[in-house]
């Protein structure tokens, strides 16, 4: 829909020769715009909270897990922080290094987790909401458990 809107603007501006291209460039110049977060710019937060509620229901009824990729959503400035404020932080928090730094915390709603991945410069490269019993990254893998058992057996021998 946004693409169609841009095509429409292009057609309108180009139909105004000889200054159509100049007007188009002026209209698309957004450097002077300053968007600031405010209470009115949170139109995505409530629908996301409803989606999380539906995912929690599915987790309870069908053991169905869900992942919401926050970086793939067109959130307005301040909306991601507003969502994080609404979700709050629960009792569980973990920060670890496995193919790069990551942190996971349970929100104030059990079963709703925030998973954040960073690059080596500590910049966020991925941010997800996972609705599950426990995120897979916190689960011990069978191979790791097996190796741990072997190490413990060797130590006790």
C-alpha atoms as a PDB file:
ATOM      1  CA  UNK A   1       0.000   0.000   0.000  1.00  0.00           C
ATOM      2  CA  UNK A   2       2.819   2.399   0.819  1.00  0.00           C
ATOM      3  CA  UNK A   3       4.521   1.545  -2.476  1.00  0.00           C
ATOM      4  CA  UNK A   4       1.310   2.309  -4.352  1.00  0.00           C
ATOM      5  CA  UNK A   5       1.123   5.647  -2.518  1.00  0.00           C
ATOM      6  CA  UNK A   6       4.696   6.497  -3.580  1.00  0.00           C
ATOM      7  CA  UNK A   7       3.900   5.594  -7.176  1.00  0.00           C
ATOM      8  CA  UNK A   8       0.865   7.842  -6.998  1.00  0.00           C
ATOM      9  CA  UNK A   9       2.975  10.746  -5.695  1.00  0.00           C
ATOM     10  CA  UNK A  10       5.501  10.185  -8.457  1.00  0.00           C
ATOM     11  CA  UNK A  11       2.744  10.330 -11.062  1.00  0.00           C
ATOM     12  CA  UNK A  12       1.286  13.514  -9.565  1.00  0.00           C
ATOM     13  CA  UNK A  13       4.614  15.318  -9.317  1.00  0.00           C
ATOM     14  CA  UNK A  14       5.755  14.183 -12.743  1.00  0.00           C
ATOM     15  CA  UNK A  15       2.501  15.444 -14.273  1.00  0.00           C
ATOM     16  CA  UNK A  16       3.471  18.984 -13.226  1.00  0.00           C
ATOM     17  CA  UNK A  17       6.185  19.843 -15.760  1.00  0.00           C
ATOM     18  CA  UNK A  18       8.646  21.425 -15.777  1.00  0.00           C
ATOM     19  CA  UNK A  19       9.112  21.339 -11.978  1.00  0.00           C
ATOM     20  CA  UNK A  20       7.671  17.891 -11.186  1.00  0.00           C
ATOM     21  CA  UNK A  21      10.998  16.254 -10.326  1.00  0.00           C
ATOM     22  CA  UNK A  22      12.061  19.251  -8.238  1.00  0.00           C
ATOM     23  CA  UNK A  23       8.775  19.156  -6.277  1.00  0.00           C
ATOM     24  CA  UNK A  24       9.152  15.401  -5.772  1.00  0.00           C
ATOM     25  CA  UNK A  25      12.636  15.842  -4.302  1.00  0.00           C
ATOM     26  CA  UNK A  26      11.426  18.631  -2.013  1.00  0.00           C
ATOM     27  CA  UNK A  27       8.456  16.557  -0.840  1.00  0.00           C
ATOM     28  CA  UNK A  28      10.668  13.580  -0.029  1.00  0.00           C
ATOM     29  CA  UNK A  29      13.271  15.646   1.861  1.00  0.00           C
ATOM     30  CA  UNK A  30      12.693  14.592   5.480  1.00  0.00           C
ATOM     31  CA  UNK A  31      15.890  15.925   7.021  1.00  0.00           C
ATOM     32  CA  UNK A  32      14.045  18.860   8.579  1.00  0.00           C
ATOM     33  CA  UNK A  33      11.383  16.651  10.180  1.00  0.00           C
ATOM     34  CA  UNK A  34      11.903  15.842  13.823  1.00  0.00           C
ATOM     35  CA  UNK A  35       9.777  12.959  15.073  1.00  0.00           C
ATOM     36  CA  UNK A  36       9.592  12.642  18.816  1.00  0.00           C
ATOM     37  CA  UNK A  37       7.989   9.832  20.763  1.00  0.00           C
ATOM     38  CA  UNK A  38       4.827  10.634  22.601  1.00  0.00           C
ATOM     39  CA  UNK A  39       1.684   9.035  23.911  1.00  0.00           C
ATOM     40  CA  UNK A  40      -0.019   9.359  20.524  1.00  0.00           C
ATOM     41  CA  UNK A  41       2.691   7.423  18.681  1.00  0.00           C
ATOM     42  CA  UNK A  42       1.951   4.038  20.214  1.00  0.00           C
ATOM     43  CA  UNK A  43      -0.564   2.632  17.774  1.00  0.00           C
ATOM     44  CA  UNK A  44       1.377  -0.635  17.445  1.00  0.00           C
ATOM     45  CA  UNK A  45       1.829  -1.339  21.148  1.00  0.00           C
ATOM     46  CA  UNK A  46      -1.724  -2.386  21.999  1.00  0.00           C
ATOM     47  CA  UNK A  47      -2.089  -4.713  18.979  1.00  0.00           C
ATOM     48  CA  UNK A  48       1.262  -6.304  19.875  1.00  0.00           C
ATOM     49  CA  UNK A  49       0.075  -6.856  23.438  1.00  0.00           C
ATOM     50  CA  UNK A  50      -3.071  -8.510  22.050  1.00  0.00           C
ATOM     51  CA  UNK A  51      -0.915 -10.720  19.828  1.00  0.00           C
ATOM     52  CA  UNK A  52       1.148 -11.705  22.868  1.00  0.00           C
ATOM     53  CA  UNK A  53      -2.052 -12.476  24.797  1.00  0.00           C
ATOM     54  CA  UNK A  54      -3.249 -14.736  21.970  1.00  0.00           C
ATOM     55  CA  UNK A  55       0.157 -16.434  21.890  1.00  0.00           C
ATOM     56  CA  UNK A  56       0.013 -17.059  25.656  1.00  0.00           C
ATOM     57  CA  UNK A  57      -3.436 -18.592  25.235  1.00  0.00           C
ATOM     58  CA  UNK A  58      -2.095 -20.881  22.484  1.00  0.00           C
ATOM     59  CA  UNK A  59       0.880 -21.807  24.680  1.00  0.00           C
ATOM     60  CA  UNK A  60      -1.426 -22.824  27.516  1.00  0.00           C
ATOM     61  CA  UNK A  61      -4.003 -24.629  25.394  1.00  0.00           C
ATOM     62  CA  UNK A  62      -1.863 -26.269  22.704  1.00  0.00           C
ATOM     63  CA  UNK A  63       1.771 -25.887  23.875  1.00  0.00           C
ATOM     64  CA  UNK A  64       2.243 -23.748  20.759  1.00  0.00           C
ATOM     65  CA  UNK A  65       5.238 -21.420  20.935  1.00  0.00           C
ATOM     66  CA  UNK A  66       5.455 -18.058  19.170  1.00  0.00           C
ATOM     67  CA  UNK A  67       8.204 -15.635  18.198  1.00  0.00           C
ATOM     68  CA  UNK A  68       7.740 -11.964  17.302  1.00  0.00           C
ATOM     69  CA  UNK A  69      10.691 -10.368  15.513  1.00  0.00           C
ATOM     70  CA  UNK A  70      10.606  -6.765  16.704  1.00  0.00           C
ATOM     71  CA  UNK A  71      13.197  -5.676  14.127  1.00  0.00           C
ATOM     72  CA  UNK A  72      10.882  -6.740  11.296  1.00  0.00           C
ATOM     73  CA  UNK A  73       8.014  -4.521  12.500  1.00  0.00           C
ATOM     74  CA  UNK A  74       7.530  -0.911  11.375  1.00  0.00           C
ATOM     75  CA  UNK A  75       7.471   0.571  14.864  1.00  0.00           C
ATOM     76  CA  UNK A  76       7.286   4.344  15.306  1.00  0.00           C
ATOM     77  CA  UNK A  77       9.955   6.086  17.375  1.00  0.00           C
ATOM     78  CA  UNK A  78       9.447   5.220  21.027  1.00  0.00           C
ATOM     79  CA  UNK A  79       7.070   2.306  20.432  1.00  0.00           C
ATOM     80  CA  UNK A  80       9.609  -0.425  21.116  1.00  0.00           C
ATOM     81  CA  UNK A  81      10.505   1.199  24.443  1.00  0.00           C
ATOM     82  CA  UNK A  82       6.804   1.673  25.254  1.00  0.00           C
ATOM     83  CA  UNK A  83       6.254  -2.041  24.571  1.00  0.00           C
ATOM     84  CA  UNK A  84       9.207  -2.962  26.801  1.00  0.00           C
ATOM     85  CA  UNK A  85       7.816  -0.706  29.546  1.00  0.00           C
ATOM     86  CA  UNK A  86       4.399  -2.373  29.252  1.00  0.00           C
ATOM     87  CA  UNK A  87       5.933  -5.865  29.426  1.00  0.00           C
ATOM     88  CA  UNK A  88       8.218  -5.004  32.335  1.00  0.00           C
ATOM     89  CA  UNK A  89      10.857  -7.362  33.671  1.00  0.00           C
ATOM     90  CA  UNK A  90      10.293 -10.501  35.684  1.00  0.00           C
ATOM     91  CA  UNK A  91      12.582 -12.561  37.893  1.00  0.00           C
ATOM     92  CA  UNK A  92      14.758 -14.340  35.315  1.00  0.00           C
ATOM     93  CA  UNK A  93      17.631 -12.639  33.482  1.00  0.00           C
ATOM     94  CA  UNK A  94      20.565 -14.190  31.621  1.00  0.00           C
ATOM     95  CA  UNK A  95      23.427 -12.665  29.639  1.00  0.00           C
ATOM     96  CA  UNK A  96      25.818 -14.979  27.830  1.00  0.00           C
ATOM     97  CA  UNK A  97      28.185 -15.321  24.896  1.00  0.00           C
ATOM     98  CA  UNK A  98      27.331 -17.929  22.312  1.00  0.00           C
ATOM     99  CA  UNK A  99      28.257 -16.831  18.794  1.00  0.00           C
ATOM    100  CA  UNK A 100      28.088 -13.267  20.127  1.00  0.00           C
ATOM    101  CA  UNK A 101      26.592 -11.619  23.213  1.00  0.00           C
ATOM    102  CA  UNK A 102      22.922 -12.195  23.977  1.00  0.00           C
ATOM    103  CA  UNK A 103      20.584 -11.463  26.826  1.00  0.00           C
ATOM    104  CA  UNK A 104      17.277 -13.000  27.719  1.00  0.00           C
ATOM    105  CA  UNK A 105      14.800 -11.901  30.329  1.00  0.00           C
ATOM    106  CA  UNK A 106      11.372 -12.996  31.303  1.00  0.00           C
ATOM    107  CA  UNK A 107       8.839 -10.188  31.348  1.00  0.00           C
ATOM    108  CA  UNK A 108       6.425  -9.562  34.182  1.00  0.00           C
ATOM    109  CA  UNK A 109       4.194 -12.059  32.347  1.00  0.00           C
ATOM    110  CA  UNK A 110       5.503 -15.607  32.848  1.00  0.00           C
ATOM    111  CA  UNK A 111       6.007 -17.304  29.514  1.00  0.00           C
ATOM    112  CA  UNK A 112       6.763 -14.047  27.704  1.00  0.00           C
ATOM    113  CA  UNK A 113      10.501 -13.570  27.127  1.00  0.00           C
ATOM    114  CA  UNK A 114      12.590 -10.875  25.471  1.00  0.00           C
ATOM    115  CA  UNK A 115      15.652 -12.154  23.589  1.00  0.00           C
ATOM    116  CA  UNK A 116      18.246  -9.632  22.406  1.00  0.00           C
ATOM    117  CA  UNK A 117      21.322 -10.431  20.301  1.00  0.00           C
ATOM    118  CA  UNK A 118      24.276  -8.035  19.986  1.00  0.00           C
ATOM    119  CA  UNK A 119      27.254  -7.756  17.679  1.00  0.00           C
ATOM    120  CA  UNK A 120      30.789  -7.422  19.056  1.00  0.00           C
ATOM    121  CA  UNK A 121      30.322  -3.641  19.329  1.00  0.00           C
ATOM    122  CA  UNK A 122      27.322  -4.229  21.637  1.00  0.00           C
ATOM    123  CA  UNK A 123      24.860  -2.974  19.017  1.00  0.00           C
ATOM    124  CA  UNK A 124      21.494  -4.720  18.860  1.00  0.00           C
ATOM    125  CA  UNK A 125      21.307  -6.969  15.796  1.00  0.00           C
ATOM    126  CA  UNK A 126      18.168  -8.894  16.730  1.00  0.00           C
ATOM    127  CA  UNK A 127      15.344  -8.426  19.219  1.00  0.00           C
ATOM    128  CA  UNK A 128      12.553 -10.936  19.700  1.00  0.00           C
ATOM    129  CA  UNK A 129       9.633 -11.629  21.965  1.00  0.00           C
ATOM    130  CA  UNK A 130       9.331 -15.359  22.552  1.00  0.00           C
ATOM    131  CA  UNK A 131       6.204 -16.845  24.048  1.00  0.00           C
ATOM    132  CA  UNK A 132       7.245 -20.217  25.457  1.00  0.00           C
ATOM    133  CA  UNK A 133       8.014 -22.096  28.652  1.00  0.00           C
ATOM    134  CA  UNK A 134      11.712 -21.304  28.281  1.00  0.00           C
ATOM    135  CA  UNK A 135      13.667 -20.023  25.266  1.00  0.00           C
ATOM    136  CA  UNK A 136      15.666 -22.699  23.474  1.00  0.00           C
ATOM    137  CA  UNK A 137      18.872 -20.736  24.024  1.00  0.00           C
ATOM    138  CA  UNK A 138      18.520 -21.332  27.767  1.00  0.00           C
ATOM    139  CA  UNK A 139      17.937 -25.058  27.396  1.00  0.00           C
ATOM    140  CA  UNK A 140      20.879 -27.395  27.738  1.00  0.00           C
ATOM    141  CA  UNK A 141      21.413 -29.274  24.503  1.00  0.00           C
ATOM    142  CA  UNK A 142      21.607 -33.067  24.626  1.00  0.00           C
ATOM    143  CA  UNK A 143      25.169 -33.094  23.245  1.00  0.00           C
ATOM    144  CA  UNK A 144      26.249 -30.589  25.911  1.00  0.00           C
ATOM    145  CA  UNK A 145      24.612 -32.671  28.653  1.00  0.00           C
ATOM    146  CA  UNK A 146      26.327 -35.801  27.341  1.00  0.00           C
ATOM    147  CA  UNK A 147      29.705 -34.030  27.306  1.00  0.00           C
ATOM    148  CA  UNK A 148      29.113 -32.719  30.811  1.00  0.00           C
ATOM    149  CA  UNK A 149      28.324 -36.212  32.038  1.00  0.00           C
ATOM    150  CA  UNK A 150      31.533 -37.517  30.482  1.00  0.00           C
ATOM    151  CA  UNK A 151      33.541 -34.753  32.143  1.00  0.00           C
ATOM    152  CA  UNK A 152      31.971 -35.442  35.532  1.00  0.00           C
ATOM    153  CA  UNK A 153      32.572 -39.186  35.173  1.00  0.00           C
ATOM    154  CA  UNK A 154      36.223 -38.542  34.256  1.00  0.00           C
ATOM    155  CA  UNK A 155      36.626 -36.253  37.264  1.00  0.00           C
ATOM    156  CA  UNK A 156      35.129 -38.874  39.605  1.00  0.00           C
ATOM    157  CA  UNK A 157      37.238 -41.728  38.192  1.00  0.00           C
END
